[in-house]
Amino acid sequence: MREPTYFVLASLLDGPLHGYAIIQRAEHLSGGRVRLATGTLYTALDRLTAEGLVELVSEEIVNGRARRSYGLTPAGSGALRAEATRMAEAARLVTNRSHRLTAAGPAGEASPP
């Protein structure tokens, strides 16, 4: 799963949001790394809806424009949880290996007592 998709899904964990709120929440949750353009977001939401990971929850007209709110489906929640687990396991592998290498010294040999 690509990082923007991950943060779009993560932005919906606390409940449905409209597009602009998803953009803001994804940027906040990612520490500013993910900055979605409006067109990119709606393309992603269309794809995620087709995949059954998000759903259109409501639509209202605000200032003459449609405002759609999207929510996470159970399948979307499961996919997000699976990706979070995968990333945590990958991080653990690197963290544990880095710790062993640091303890072993620069050449990979045990440091003298």
Protein backbone atom coordinates (compact mmCIF):
# COMPACT_ATOMS: atom_id res chain seq x y z
CA MET A 1 0.00 0.00 0.00
CA ARG A 2 1.38 3.40 -0.95
CA GLU A 3 1.83 6.01 1.77
CA PRO A 4 -0.88 8.40 0.47
CA THR A 5 -3.44 5.57 0.43
CA TYR A 6 -2.43 4.55 3.94
CA PHE A 7 -2.96 8.07 5.26
CA VAL A 8 -6.25 8.55 3.40
CA LEU A 9 -7.55 5.41 5.11
CA ALA A 10 -6.01 6.40 8.46
CA SER A 11 -7.69 9.80 8.25
CA LEU A 12 -11.07 8.02 8.32
CA LEU A 13 -10.40 5.99 11.48
CA ASP A 14 -12.33 8.40 13.71
CA GLY A 15 -15.31 8.62 11.38
CA PRO A 16 -16.46 9.96 8.03
CA LEU A 17 -14.91 13.12 6.57
CA HIS A 18 -15.42 15.24 3.49
CA GLY A 19 -12.65 15.62 0.94
CA TYR A 20 -10.94 18.76 2.24
CA ALA A 21 -10.94 17.37 5.78
CA ILE A 22 -9.33 14.15 4.50
CA ILE A 23 -6.61 16.21 2.82
CA GLN A 24 -5.94 18.12 6.05
CA ARG A 25 -6.03 15.05 8.29
CA ALA A 26 -3.74 13.01 6.00
CA GLU A 27 -1.21 15.84 5.98
CA HIS A 28 -1.39 16.16 9.77
CA LEU A 29 -1.15 12.41 10.45
CA SER A 30 1.82 12.06 8.08
CA GLY A 31 3.72 14.92 9.66
CA GLY A 32 3.40 16.90 6.44
CA ARG A 33 4.83 14.17 4.18
CA VAL A 34 1.53 13.50 2.40
CA ARG A 35 0.05 16.54 0.66
CA LEU A 36 -2.79 15.49 -1.58
CA ALA A 37 -4.07 17.56 -4.46
CA THR A 38 -7.86 17.59 -4.77
CA GLY A 39 -7.86 15.64 -8.04
CA THR A 40 -5.48 13.06 -6.63
CA LEU A 41 -7.67 12.59 -3.56
CA TYR A 42 -10.88 12.07 -5.50
CA THR A 43 -9.17 9.65 -7.89
CA ALA A 44 -7.95 7.70 -4.85
CA LEU A 45 -11.39 7.81 -3.22
CA ASP A 46 -13.02 6.51 -6.42
CA ARG A 47 -10.50 3.64 -6.51
CA LEU A 48 -10.87 2.87 -2.80
CA THR A 49 -14.67 2.93 -3.15
CA ALA A 50 -14.48 0.51 -6.08
CA GLU A 51 -12.23 -1.76 -3.98
CA GLY A 52 -14.73 -1.65 -1.11
CA LEU A 53 -12.32 0.03 1.33
CA VAL A 54 -14.27 3.29 1.69
CA GLU A 55 -17.87 4.22 1.08
CA LEU A 56 -19.80 7.37 0.32
CA VAL A 57 -21.62 8.18 3.56
CA SER A 58 -23.40 11.40 2.70
CA GLU A 59 -23.68 14.12 0.12
CA GLU A 60 -24.93 17.66 0.68
CA ILE A 61 -24.87 20.88 -1.29
CA VAL A 62 -22.75 23.62 0.29
CA ASN A 63 -22.47 26.97 -1.52
CA GLY A 64 -23.80 25.36 -4.67
CA ARG A 65 -21.25 22.53 -4.65
CA ALA A 66 -21.61 18.91 -3.66
CA ARG A 67 -19.81 17.99 -0.46
CA ARG A 68 -19.33 14.25 -0.15
CA SER A 69 -18.31 12.54 3.05
CA TYR A 70 -16.54 9.20 2.99
CA GLY A 71 -16.18 6.54 5.65
CA LEU A 72 -14.01 3.52 6.21
CA THR A 73 -15.66 0.15 5.55
CA PRO A 74 -14.88 -2.95 7.63
CA ALA A 75 -12.72 -4.16 4.73
CA GLY A 76 -10.91 -0.80 4.70
CA SER A 77 -10.30 -0.99 8.42
CA GLY A 78 -8.91 -4.51 8.01
CA ALA A 79 -6.65 -3.46 5.13
CA LEU A 80 -5.35 -0.51 7.14
CA ARG A 81 -4.70 -2.70 10.18
CA ALA A 82 -2.90 -5.30 8.01
CA GLU A 83 -0.69 -2.60 6.49
CA ALA A 84 0.10 -1.12 9.92
CA THR A 85 1.10 -4.59 11.14
CA ARG A 86 3.26 -5.17 8.06
CA MET A 87 5.04 -1.83 8.55
CA ALA A 88 5.57 -2.48 12.27
CA GLU A 89 7.11 -5.87 11.52
CA ALA A 90 9.37 -4.35 8.86
CA ALA A 91 10.43 -1.60 11.27
CA ARG A 92 11.11 -4.16 14.00
CA LEU A 93 13.36 -6.13 11.64
CA VAL A 94 15.47 -3.06 10.90
CA THR A 95 15.46 -1.80 14.48
CA ASN A 96 16.52 -5.16 15.87
CA ARG A 97 19.21 -5.60 13.23
CA SER A 98 20.52 -2.05 13.78
CA HIS A 99 20.68 -2.72 17.52
CA ARG A 100 22.69 -5.92 16.98
CA LEU A 101 25.08 -4.18 14.56
CA THR A 102 25.64 -1.30 16.99
CA ALA A 103 26.36 -3.75 19.80
CA ALA A 104 28.73 -5.74 17.57
CA GLY A 105 30.76 -2.73 16.46
CA PRO A 106 31.48 -1.30 12.99
CA ALA A 107 33.00 -4.48 11.50
CA GLY A 108 30.19 -6.68 12.75
CA GLU A 109 32.47 -8.27 15.36
CA ALA A 110 31.74 -8.32 19.05
CA SER A 111 33.06 -5.30 20.89
CA PRO A 112 35.79 -6.00 23.43
CA PRO A 113 34.57 -6.24 27.04
